[in-house]
Amino acid sequence: MSYEAERQALLDAAETWADAENDMTKAKNNAVSIDVTTTDSSVVADLAGFNSTYSDIRTRVADLLGEAASSMKLIDDTLKGIEEQYRRDDEDALARIGGQWSPTNP
């Protein structure tokens, strides 16, 4: 795999994780917005604890989705950081070597 292909693979992987982060964030926002009230269920369901249990579960699911989104962002940022460092190291090496060496110079 060439140097450019390796760097592009890192950026492509980072983009995939960024997309996954966006999906998790949307799912979290959707989970938060779904609410059940006594009007939606019934007084009996509310008295039996259904609504509060549903609310607790909804909060937990939203929290898990938020944590997943944060983890995916961390992976995205890490891959971008690796690619950036890889590029900087190569540029620094080229600057140090200058015109002293090239693959076409004997």
PDB file of N, CA and C in Angstrom:
ATOM      1  N   MET A   1       0.857  -1.167   0.000  1.00  0.00           N
ATOM      2  CA  MET A   1       0.000   0.000   0.000  1.00  0.00           C
ATOM      3  C   MET A   1       0.904   1.231   0.000  1.00  0.00           C
ATOM      4  N   SER A   2       0.604   2.171  -0.857  1.00  0.00           N
ATOM      5  CA  SER A   2       1.420   3.372  -0.943  1.00  0.00           C
ATOM      6  C   SER A   2       1.136   4.311   0.225  1.00  0.00           C
ATOM      7  N   TYR A   3       2.051   5.233   0.415  1.00  0.00           N
ATOM      8  CA  TYR A   3       1.923   6.224   1.490  1.00  0.00           C
ATOM      9  C   TYR A   3       0.611   6.996   1.371  1.00  0.00           C
ATOM     10  N   GLU A   4       0.295   7.456   0.171  1.00  0.00           N
ATOM     11  CA  GLU A   4      -0.948   8.207  -0.029  1.00  0.00           C
ATOM     12  C   GLU A   4      -2.169   7.343   0.250  1.00  0.00           C
ATOM     13  N   ALA A   5      -2.112   6.095  -0.169  1.00  0.00           N
ATOM     14  CA  ALA A   5      -3.238   5.186   0.066  1.00  0.00           C
ATOM     15  C   ALA A   5      -3.415   4.910   1.560  1.00  0.00           C
ATOM     16  N   GLU A   6      -2.307   4.792   2.275  1.00  0.00           N
ATOM     17  CA  GLU A   6      -2.390   4.570   3.725  1.00  0.00           C
ATOM     18  C   GLU A   6      -3.022   5.769   4.428  1.00  0.00           C
ATOM     19  N   ARG A   7      -2.587   6.964   4.041  1.00  0.00           N
ATOM     20  CA  ARG A   7      -3.169   8.173   4.643  1.00  0.00           C
ATOM     21  C   ARG A   7      -4.646   8.283   4.292  1.00  0.00           C
ATOM     22  N   GLN A   8      -4.991   7.999   3.045  1.00  0.00           N
ATOM     23  CA  GLN A   8      -6.397   8.080   2.640  1.00  0.00           C
ATOM     24  C   GLN A   8      -7.235   7.036   3.369  1.00  0.00           C
ATOM     25  N   ALA A   9      -6.668   5.864   3.602  1.00  0.00           N
ATOM     26  CA  ALA A   9      -7.394   4.822   4.342  1.00  0.00           C
ATOM     27  C   ALA A   9      -7.704   5.290   5.762  1.00  0.00           C
ATOM     28  N   LEU A  10      -6.757   5.981   6.389  1.00  0.00           N
ATOM     29  CA  LEU A  10      -7.008   6.529   7.728  1.00  0.00           C
ATOM     30  C   LEU A  10      -8.136   7.556   7.695  1.00  0.00           C
ATOM     31  N   LEU A  11      -8.107   8.440   6.697  1.00  0.00           N
ATOM     32  CA  LEU A  11      -9.153   9.462   6.583  1.00  0.00           C
ATOM     33  C   LEU A  11     -10.508   8.842   6.256  1.00  0.00           C
ATOM     34  N   ASP A  12     -10.509   7.814   5.415  1.00  0.00           N
ATOM     35  CA  ASP A  12     -11.774   7.129   5.090  1.00  0.00           C
ATOM     36  C   ASP A  12     -12.355   6.447   6.327  1.00  0.00           C
ATOM     37  N   ALA A  13     -11.485   5.800   7.096  1.00  0.00           N
ATOM     38  CA  ALA A  13     -11.950   5.144   8.320  1.00  0.00           C
ATOM     39  C   ALA A  13     -12.483   6.180   9.305  1.00  0.00           C
ATOM     40  N   ALA A  14     -11.796   7.312   9.414  1.00  0.00           N
ATOM     41  CA  ALA A  14     -12.258   8.383  10.307  1.00  0.00           C
ATOM     42  C   ALA A  14     -13.632   8.881   9.877  1.00  0.00           C
ATOM     43  N   GLU A  15     -13.833   9.013   8.583  1.00  0.00           N
ATOM     44  CA  GLU A  15     -15.136   9.473   8.079  1.00  0.00           C
ATOM     45  C   GLU A  15     -16.241   8.473   8.415  1.00  0.00           C
ATOM     46  N   THR A  16     -15.930   7.194   8.326  1.00  0.00           N
ATOM     47  CA  THR A  16     -16.904   6.166   8.684  1.00  0.00           C
ATOM     48  C   THR A  16     -17.308   6.297  10.151  1.00  0.00           C
ATOM     49  N   TRP A  17     -16.321   6.522  11.018  1.00  0.00           N
ATOM     50  CA  TRP A  17     -16.622   6.695  12.442  1.00  0.00           C
ATOM     51  C   TRP A  17     -17.384   7.986  12.699  1.00  0.00           C
ATOM     52  N   ALA A  18     -17.084   9.038  11.935  1.00  0.00           N
ATOM     53  CA  ALA A  18     -17.827  10.298  12.079  1.00  0.00           C
ATOM     54  C   ALA A  18     -19.285  10.095  11.685  1.00  0.00           C
ATOM     55  N   ASP A  19     -19.509   9.334  10.611  1.00  0.00           N
ATOM     56  CA  ASP A  19     -20.888   9.030  10.197  1.00  0.00           C
ATOM     57  C   ASP A  19     -21.611   8.233  11.280  1.00  0.00           C
ATOM     58  N   ALA A  20     -20.908   7.266  11.862  1.00  0.00           N
ATOM     59  CA  ALA A  20     -21.510   6.460  12.931  1.00  0.00           C
ATOM     60  C   ALA A  20     -21.832   7.331  14.142  1.00  0.00           C
ATOM     61  N   GLU A  21     -20.945   8.270  14.445  1.00  0.00           N
ATOM     62  CA  GLU A  21     -21.207   9.197  15.558  1.00  0.00           C
ATOM     63  C   GLU A  21     -22.474  10.009  15.291  1.00  0.00           C
ATOM     64  N   ASN A  22     -22.605  10.504  14.062  1.00  0.00           N
ATOM     65  CA  ASN A  22     -23.812  11.267  13.706  1.00  0.00           C
ATOM     66  C   ASN A  22     -25.063  10.413  13.839  1.00  0.00           C
ATOM     67  N   ASP A  23     -24.979   9.162  13.411  1.00  0.00           N
ATOM     68  CA  ASP A  23     -26.129   8.258  13.528  1.00  0.00           C
ATOM     69  C   ASP A  23     -26.505   8.032  14.996  1.00  0.00           C
ATOM     70  N   MET A  24     -25.501   7.828  15.845  1.00  0.00           N
ATOM     71  CA  MET A  24     -25.772   7.622  17.273  1.00  0.00           C
ATOM     72  C   MET A  24     -26.368   8.876  17.908  1.00  0.00           C
ATOM     73  N   THR A  25     -25.886  10.035  17.502  1.00  0.00           N
ATOM     74  CA  THR A  25     -26.417  11.292  18.041  1.00  0.00           C
ATOM     75  C   THR A  25     -27.873  11.478  17.630  1.00  0.00           C
ATOM     76  N   LYS A  26     -28.180  11.160  16.371  1.00  0.00           N
ATOM     77  CA  LYS A  26     -29.580  11.246  15.914  1.00  0.00           C
ATOM     78  C   LYS A  26     -30.456  10.266  16.684  1.00  0.00           C
ATOM     79  N   ALA A  27     -29.953   9.054  16.872  1.00  0.00           N
ATOM     80  CA  ALA A  27     -30.720   8.051  17.619  1.00  0.00           C
ATOM     81  C   ALA A  27     -30.946   8.510  19.059  1.00  0.00           C
ATOM     82  N   LYS A  28     -29.926   9.103  19.664  1.00  0.00           N
ATOM     83  CA  LYS A  28     -30.069   9.622  21.029  1.00  0.00           C
ATOM     84  C   LYS A  28     -31.144  10.703  21.070  1.00  0.00           C
ATOM     85  N   ASN A  29     -31.078  11.636  20.135  1.00  0.00           N
ATOM     86  CA  ASN A  29     -32.066  12.719  20.100  1.00  0.00           C
ATOM     87  C   ASN A  29     -33.476  12.178  19.888  1.00  0.00           C
ATOM     88  N   ASN A  30     -33.608  11.165  19.049  1.00  0.00           N
ATOM     89  CA  ASN A  30     -34.922  10.542  18.840  1.00  0.00           C
ATOM     90  C   ASN A  30     -35.408   9.858  20.109  1.00  0.00           C
ATOM     91  N   ALA A  31     -34.507   9.160  20.782  1.00  0.00           N
ATOM     92  CA  ALA A  31     -34.897   8.471  22.020  1.00  0.00           C
ATOM     93  C   ALA A  31     -35.366   9.468  23.069  1.00  0.00           C
ATOM     94  N   VAL A  32     -34.670  10.576  23.187  1.00  0.00           N
ATOM     95  CA  VAL A  32     -35.040  11.596  24.173  1.00  0.00           C
ATOM     96  C   VAL A  32     -36.409  12.189  23.865  1.00  0.00           C
ATOM     97  N   SER A  33     -36.717  12.317  22.580  1.00  0.00           N
ATOM     98  CA  SER A  33     -37.964  12.998  22.197  1.00  0.00           C
ATOM     99  C   SER A  33     -39.208  12.118  22.324  1.00  0.00           C
ATOM    100  N   ILE A  34     -39.028  10.813  22.467  1.00  0.00           N
ATOM    101  CA  ILE A  34     -40.184   9.917  22.578  1.00  0.00           C
ATOM    102  C   ILE A  34     -40.611   9.853  24.040  1.00  0.00           C
ATOM    103  N   ASP A  35     -41.773  10.355  24.315  1.00  0.00           N
ATOM    104  CA  ASP A  35     -42.259  10.418  25.689  1.00  0.00           C
ATOM    105  C   ASP A  35     -43.613   9.729  25.775  1.00  0.00           C
ATOM    106  N   VAL A  36     -43.887   9.110  26.889  1.00  0.00           N
ATOM    107  CA  VAL A  36     -45.191   8.484  27.129  1.00  0.00           C
ATOM    108  C   VAL A  36     -45.807   9.173  28.339  1.00  0.00           C
ATOM    109  N   THR A  37     -46.997   9.669  28.151  1.00  0.00           N
ATOM    110  CA  THR A  37     -47.727  10.313  29.249  1.00  0.00           C
ATOM    111  C   THR A  37     -48.938   9.458  29.605  1.00  0.00           C
ATOM    112  N   THR A  38     -49.618   9.846  30.649  1.00  0.00           N
ATOM    113  CA  THR A  38     -50.836   9.133  31.050  1.00  0.00           C
ATOM    114  C   THR A  38     -51.864   9.177  29.932  1.00  0.00           C
ATOM    115  N   THR A  39     -51.905  10.266  29.196  1.00  0.00           N
ATOM    116  CA  THR A  39     -52.821  10.377  28.056  1.00  0.00           C
ATOM    117  C   THR A  39     -52.482   9.341  26.994  1.00  0.00           C
ATOM    118  N   ASP A  40     -51.181   9.088  26.792  1.00  0.00           N
ATOM    119  CA  ASP A  40     -50.752   8.119  25.783  1.00  0.00           C
ATOM    120  C   ASP A  40     -51.033   6.683  26.212  1.00  0.00           C
ATOM    121  N   SER A  41     -50.896   6.401  27.485  1.00  0.00           N
ATOM    122  CA  SER A  41     -51.124   5.033  27.957  1.00  0.00           C
ATOM    123  C   SER A  41     -52.474   4.976  28.659  1.00  0.00           C
ATOM    124  N   SER A  42     -52.462   4.968  29.950  1.00  0.00           N
ATOM    125  CA  SER A  42     -53.714   4.985  30.717  1.00  0.00           C
ATOM    126  C   SER A  42     -53.382   5.304  32.164  1.00  0.00           C
ATOM    127  N   VAL A  43     -54.394   5.624  32.905  1.00  0.00           N
ATOM    128  CA  VAL A  43     -54.206   5.891  34.332  1.00  0.00           C
ATOM    129  C   VAL A  43     -53.715   4.630  35.026  1.00  0.00           C
ATOM    130  N   VAL A  44     -54.270   3.487  34.640  1.00  0.00           N
ATOM    131  CA  VAL A  44     -53.869   2.213  35.248  1.00  0.00           C
ATOM    132  C   VAL A  44     -52.392   1.937  34.962  1.00  0.00           C
ATOM    133  N   ALA A  45     -51.966   2.150  33.716  1.00  0.00           N
ATOM    134  CA  ALA A  45     -50.559   1.933  33.371  1.00  0.00           C
ATOM    135  C   ALA A  45     -49.662   2.865  34.169  1.00  0.00           C
ATOM    136  N   ASP A  46     -50.112   4.094  34.325  1.00  0.00           N
ATOM    137  CA  ASP A  46     -49.340   5.058  35.104  1.00  0.00           C
ATOM    138  C   ASP A  46     -49.257   4.628  36.567  1.00  0.00           C
ATOM    139  N   LEU A  47     -50.382   4.208  37.125  1.00  0.00           N
ATOM    140  CA  LEU A  47     -50.402   3.750  38.515  1.00  0.00           C
ATOM    141  C   LEU A  47     -49.544   2.498  38.712  1.00  0.00           C
ATOM    142  N   ALA A  48     -49.481   1.662  37.693  1.00  0.00           N
ATOM    143  CA  ALA A  48     -48.680   0.435  37.767  1.00  0.00           C
ATOM    144  C   ALA A  48     -47.185   0.721  37.593  1.00  0.00           C
ATOM    145  N   GLY A  49     -46.849   1.963  37.279  1.00  0.00           N
ATOM    146  CA  GLY A  49     -45.441   2.325  37.139  1.00  0.00           C
ATOM    147  C   GLY A  49     -44.893   2.237  35.732  1.00  0.00           C
ATOM    148  N   PHE A  50     -45.767   1.972  34.760  1.00  0.00           N
ATOM    149  CA  PHE A  50     -45.300   1.835  33.380  1.00  0.00           C
ATOM    150  C   PHE A  50     -44.617   3.109  32.897  1.00  0.00           C
ATOM    151  N   ASN A  51     -45.256   4.241  33.118  1.00  0.00           N
ATOM    152  CA  ASN A  51     -44.723   5.497  32.580  1.00  0.00           C
ATOM    153  C   ASN A  51     -43.365   5.851  33.188  1.00  0.00           C
ATOM    154  N   SER A  52     -43.218   5.671  34.488  1.00  0.00           N
ATOM    155  CA  SER A  52     -41.930   5.996  35.112  1.00  0.00           C
ATOM    156  C   SER A  52     -40.854   4.993  34.691  1.00  0.00           C
ATOM    157  N   THR A  53     -41.230   3.721  34.565  1.00  0.00           N
ATOM    158  CA  THR A  53     -40.271   2.718  34.093  1.00  0.00           C
ATOM    159  C   THR A  53     -39.843   3.026  32.667  1.00  0.00           C
ATOM    160  N   TYR A  54     -40.806   3.379  31.836  1.00  0.00           N
ATOM    161  CA  TYR A  54     -40.494   3.750  30.453  1.00  0.00           C
ATOM    162  C   TYR A  54     -39.540   4.942  30.435  1.00  0.00           C
ATOM    163  N   SER A  55     -39.802   5.933  31.264  1.00  0.00           N
ATOM    164  CA  SER A  55     -38.954   7.123  31.324  1.00  0.00           C
ATOM    165  C   SER A  55     -37.533   6.763  31.751  1.00  0.00           C
ATOM    166  N   ASP A  56     -37.413   5.877  32.735  1.00  0.00           N
ATOM    167  CA  ASP A  56     -36.090   5.437  33.189  1.00  0.00           C
ATOM    168  C   ASP A  56     -35.338   4.716  32.074  1.00  0.00           C
ATOM    169  N   ILE A  57     -36.042   3.840  31.377  1.00  0.00           N
ATOM    170  CA  ILE A  57     -35.416   3.090  30.280  1.00  0.00           C
ATOM    171  C   ILE A  57     -35.014   4.038  29.157  1.00  0.00           C
ATOM    172  N   ARG A  58     -35.900   4.970  28.821  1.00  0.00           N
ATOM    173  CA  ARG A  58     -35.607   5.940  27.761  1.00  0.00           C
ATOM    174  C   ARG A  58     -34.351   6.737  28.111  1.00  0.00           C
ATOM    175  N   THR A  59     -34.249   7.176  29.351  1.00  0.00           N
ATOM    176  CA  THR A  59     -33.078   7.934  29.787  1.00  0.00           C
ATOM    177  C   THR A  59     -31.816   7.088  29.677  1.00  0.00           C
ATOM    178  N   ARG A  60     -31.896   5.831  30.098  1.00  0.00           N
ATOM    179  CA  ARG A  60     -30.729   4.937  30.032  1.00  0.00           C
ATOM    180  C   ARG A  60     -30.301   4.691  28.590  1.00  0.00           C
ATOM    181  N   VAL A  61     -31.264   4.444  27.713  1.00  0.00           N
ATOM    182  CA  VAL A  61     -30.949   4.223  26.297  1.00  0.00           C
ATOM    183  C   VAL A  61     -30.309   5.476  25.706  1.00  0.00           C
ATOM    184  N   ALA A  62     -30.866   6.636  26.006  1.00  0.00           N
ATOM    185  CA  ALA A  62     -30.301   7.891  25.497  1.00  0.00           C
ATOM    186  C   ALA A  62     -28.877   8.092  26.015  1.00  0.00           C
ATOM    187  N   ASP A  63     -28.649   7.775  27.281  1.00  0.00           N
ATOM    188  CA  ASP A  63     -27.300   7.890  27.846  1.00  0.00           C
ATOM    189  C   ASP A  63     -26.321   6.959  27.133  1.00  0.00           C
ATOM    190  N   LEU A  64     -26.743   5.720  26.896  1.00  0.00           N
ATOM    191  CA  LEU A  64     -25.877   4.759  26.202  1.00  0.00           C
ATOM    192  C   LEU A  64     -25.572   5.213  24.780  1.00  0.00           C
ATOM    193  N   LEU A  65     -26.576   5.726  24.089  1.00  0.00           N
ATOM    194  CA  LEU A  65     -26.359   6.227  22.732  1.00  0.00           C
ATOM    195  C   LEU A  65     -25.414   7.428  22.743  1.00  0.00           C
ATOM    196  N   GLY A  66     -25.548   8.285  23.742  1.00  0.00           N
ATOM    197  CA  GLY A  66     -24.643   9.424  23.869  1.00  0.00           C
ATOM    198  C   GLY A  66     -23.211   8.985  24.131  1.00  0.00           C
ATOM    199  N   GLU A  67     -23.048   7.980  24.991  1.00  0.00           N
ATOM    200  CA  GLU A  67     -21.714   7.444  25.266  1.00  0.00           C
ATOM    201  C   GLU A  67     -21.122   6.805  24.008  1.00  0.00           C
ATOM    202  N   ALA A  68     -21.949   6.108  23.251  1.00  0.00           N
ATOM    203  CA  ALA A  68     -21.480   5.501  22.000  1.00  0.00           C
ATOM    204  C   ALA A  68     -21.028   6.584  21.028  1.00  0.00           C
ATOM    205  N   ALA A  69     -21.810   7.653  20.919  1.00  0.00           N
ATOM    206  CA  ALA A  69     -21.443   8.761  20.029  1.00  0.00           C
ATOM    207  C   ALA A  69     -20.113   9.374  20.456  1.00  0.00           C
ATOM    208  N   SER A  70     -19.919   9.549  21.754  1.00  0.00           N
ATOM    209  CA  SER A  70     -18.656  10.113  22.261  1.00  0.00           C
ATOM    210  C   SER A  70     -17.480   9.201  21.944  1.00  0.00           C
ATOM    211  N   SER A  71     -17.673   7.904  22.097  1.00  0.00           N
ATOM    212  CA  SER A  71     -16.606   6.948  21.788  1.00  0.00           C
ATOM    213  C   SER A  71     -16.269   6.959  20.305  1.00  0.00           C
ATOM    214  N   MET A  72     -17.284   7.049  19.483  1.00  0.00           N
ATOM    215  CA  MET A  72     -17.059   7.076  18.038  1.00  0.00           C
ATOM    216  C   MET A  72     -16.350   8.359  17.618  1.00  0.00           C
ATOM    217  N   LYS A  73     -16.669   9.460  18.262  1.00  0.00           N
ATOM    218  CA  LYS A  73     -15.971  10.722  17.980  1.00  0.00           C
ATOM    219  C   LYS A  73     -14.509  10.613  18.379  1.00  0.00           C
ATOM    220  N   LEU A  74     -14.245   9.961  19.508  1.00  0.00           N
ATOM    221  CA  LEU A  74     -12.867   9.770  19.953  1.00  0.00           C
ATOM    222  C   LEU A  74     -12.076   8.956  18.923  1.00  0.00           C
ATOM    223  N   ILE A  75     -12.683   7.907  18.386  1.00  0.00           N
ATOM    224  CA  ILE A  75     -12.015   7.096  17.363  1.00  0.00           C
ATOM    225  C   ILE A  75     -11.771   7.933  16.116  1.00  0.00           C
ATOM    226  N   ASP A  76     -12.779   8.686  15.686  1.00  0.00           N
ATOM    227  CA  ASP A  76     -12.661   9.571  14.524  1.00  0.00           C
ATOM    228  C   ASP A  76     -11.508  10.552  14.726  1.00  0.00           C
ATOM    229  N   ASP A  77     -11.490  11.235  15.861  1.00  0.00           N
ATOM    230  CA  ASP A  77     -10.440  12.217  16.144  1.00  0.00           C
ATOM    231  C   ASP A  77      -9.063  11.564  16.213  1.00  0.00           C
ATOM    232  N   THR A  78      -8.985  10.375  16.797  1.00  0.00           N
ATOM    233  CA  THR A  78      -7.709   9.669  16.908  1.00  0.00           C
ATOM    234  C   THR A  78      -7.169   9.296  15.533  1.00  0.00           C
ATOM    235  N   LEU A  79      -8.023   8.771  14.669  1.00  0.00           N
ATOM    236  CA  LEU A  79      -7.581   8.414  13.318  1.00  0.00           C
ATOM    237  C   LEU A  79      -7.115   9.639  12.543  1.00  0.00           C
ATOM    238  N   LYS A  80      -7.834  10.736  12.675  1.00  0.00           N
ATOM    239  CA  LYS A  80      -7.412  11.979  12.008  1.00  0.00           C
ATOM    240  C   LYS A  80      -6.080  12.462  12.576  1.00  0.00           C
ATOM    241  N   GLY A  81      -5.902  12.331  13.880  1.00  0.00           N
ATOM    242  CA  GLY A  81      -4.641  12.723  14.504  1.00  0.00           C
ATOM    243  C   GLY A  81      -3.476  11.869  14.034  1.00  0.00           C
ATOM    244  N   ILE A  82      -3.715  10.577  13.884  1.00  0.00           N
ATOM    245  CA  ILE A  82      -2.672   9.674  13.386  1.00  0.00           C
ATOM    246  C   ILE A  82      -2.281  10.063  11.972  1.00  0.00           C
ATOM    247  N   GLU A  83      -3.275  10.319  11.137  1.00  0.00           N
ATOM    248  CA  GLU A  83      -2.991  10.713   9.749  1.00  0.00           C
ATOM    249  C   GLU A  83      -2.213  12.023   9.717  1.00  0.00           C
ATOM    250  N   GLU A  84      -2.619  12.977  10.538  1.00  0.00           N
ATOM    251  CA  GLU A  84      -1.934  14.274  10.571  1.00  0.00           C
ATOM    252  C   GLU A  84      -0.483  14.120  11.027  1.00  0.00           C
ATOM    253  N   GLN A  85      -0.264  13.315  12.059  1.00  0.00           N
ATOM    254  CA  GLN A  85       1.102  13.094  12.543  1.00  0.00           C
ATOM    255  C   GLN A  85       1.936  12.368  11.495  1.00  0.00           C
ATOM    256  N   TYR A  86       1.340  11.403  10.836  1.00  0.00           N
ATOM    257  CA  TYR A  86       2.002  10.655   9.770  1.00  0.00           C
ATOM    258  C   TYR A  86       2.454  11.619   8.670  1.00  0.00           C
ATOM    259  N   ARG A  87       1.553  12.518   8.269  1.00  0.00           N
ATOM    260  CA  ARG A  87       1.857  13.498   7.225  1.00  0.00           C
ATOM    261  C   ARG A  87       2.959  14.451   7.692  1.00  0.00           C
ATOM    262  N   ARG A  88       2.848  14.951   8.930  1.00  0.00           N
ATOM    263  CA  ARG A  88       3.849  15.884   9.464  1.00  0.00           C
ATOM    264  C   ARG A  88       5.226  15.234   9.555  1.00  0.00           C
ATOM    265  N   ASP A  89       5.267  13.996  10.022  1.00  0.00           N
ATOM    266  CA  ASP A  89       6.545  13.286  10.109  1.00  0.00           C
ATOM    267  C   ASP A  89       7.187  13.154   8.734  1.00  0.00           C
ATOM    268  N   ASP A  90       6.375  12.847   7.738  1.00  0.00           N
ATOM    269  CA  ASP A  90       6.897  12.706   6.387  1.00  0.00           C
ATOM    270  C   ASP A  90       7.395  14.048   5.853  1.00  0.00           C
ATOM    271  N   GLU A  91       6.624  15.101   6.079  1.00  0.00           N
ATOM    272  CA  GLU A  91       7.043  16.429   5.621  1.00  0.00           C
ATOM    273  C   GLU A  91       8.326  16.871   6.323  1.00  0.00           C
ATOM    274  N   ASP A  92       8.431  16.595   7.620  1.00  0.00           N
ATOM    275  CA  ASP A  92       9.644  16.945   8.366  1.00  0.00           C
ATOM    276  C   ASP A  92      10.852  16.172   7.841  1.00  0.00           C
ATOM    277  N   ALA A  93      10.660  14.894   7.556  1.00  0.00           N
ATOM    278  CA  ALA A  93      11.756  14.082   7.017  1.00  0.00           C
ATOM    279  C   ALA A  93      12.182  14.601   5.651  1.00  0.00           C
ATOM    280  N   LEU A  94      11.228  14.957   4.818  1.00  0.00           N
ATOM    281  CA  LEU A  94      11.562  15.505   3.501  1.00  0.00           C
ATOM    282  C   LEU A  94      12.309  16.826   3.638  1.00  0.00           C
ATOM    283  N   ALA A  95      11.922  17.649   4.600  1.00  0.00           N
ATOM    284  CA  ALA A  95      12.601  18.929   4.810  1.00  0.00           C
ATOM    285  C   ALA A  95      14.038  18.709   5.284  1.00  0.00           C
ATOM    286  N   ARG A  96      14.251  17.712   6.144  1.00  0.00           N
ATOM    287  CA  ARG A  96      15.603  17.419   6.632  1.00  0.00           C
ATOM    288  C   ARG A  96      16.488  16.880   5.516  1.00  0.00           C
ATOM    289  N   ILE A  97      15.932  16.005   4.725  1.00  0.00           N
ATOM    290  CA  ILE A  97      16.710  15.380   3.650  1.00  0.00           C
ATOM    291  C   ILE A  97      16.941  16.371   2.524  1.00  0.00           C
ATOM    292  N   GLY A  98      15.929  17.180   2.249  1.00  0.00           N
ATOM    293  CA  GLY A  98      16.035  18.154   1.168  1.00  0.00           C
ATOM    294  C   GLY A  98      16.278  17.474  -0.158  1.00  0.00           C
ATOM    295  N   GLY A  99      17.185  18.008  -0.936  1.00  0.00           N
ATOM    296  CA  GLY A  99      17.479  17.445  -2.249  1.00  0.00           C
ATOM    297  C   GLY A  99      18.582  16.419  -2.216  1.00  0.00           C
ATOM    298  N   GLN A 100      18.970  15.961  -1.021  1.00  0.00           N
ATOM    299  CA  GLN A 100      20.084  15.020  -0.905  1.00  0.00           C
ATOM    300  C   GLN A 100      19.762  13.631  -1.419  1.00  0.00           C
ATOM    301  N   TRP A 101      18.480  13.274  -1.402  1.00  0.00           N
ATOM    302  CA  TRP A 101      18.116  11.925  -1.825  1.00  0.00           C
ATOM    303  C   TRP A 101      16.773  11.963  -2.508  1.00  0.00           C
ATOM    304  N   SER A 102      16.654  11.167  -3.516  1.00  0.00           N
ATOM    305  CA  SER A 102      15.356  10.906  -4.123  1.00  0.00           C
ATOM    306  C   SER A 102      15.428   9.515  -4.713  1.00  0.00           C
ATOM    307  N   PRO A 103      14.292   8.901  -4.942  1.00  0.00           N
ATOM    308  CA  PRO A 103      14.336   7.537  -5.472  1.00  0.00           C
ATOM    309  C   PRO A 103      14.968   7.459  -6.854  1.00  0.00           C
ATOM    310  N   THR A 104      15.084   8.591  -7.529  1.00  0.00           N
ATOM    311  CA  THR A 104      15.669   8.561  -8.878  1.00  0.00           C
ATOM    312  C   THR A 104      17.138   8.951  -8.877  1.00  0.00           C
ATOM    313  N   ASN A 105      17.679   9.459  -7.739  1.00  0.00           N
ATOM    314  CA  ASN A 105      19.113   9.788  -7.661  1.00  0.00           C
ATOM    315  C   ASN A 105      19.898   8.528  -7.313  1.00  0.00           C
ATOM    316  N   PRO A 106      21.011   8.283  -8.023  1.00  0.00           N
ATOM    317  CA  PRO A 106      21.818   7.094  -7.695  1.00  0.00           C
ATOM    318  C   PRO A 106      22.580   7.271  -6.406  1.00  0.00           C
TER     319      PRO A 106
END
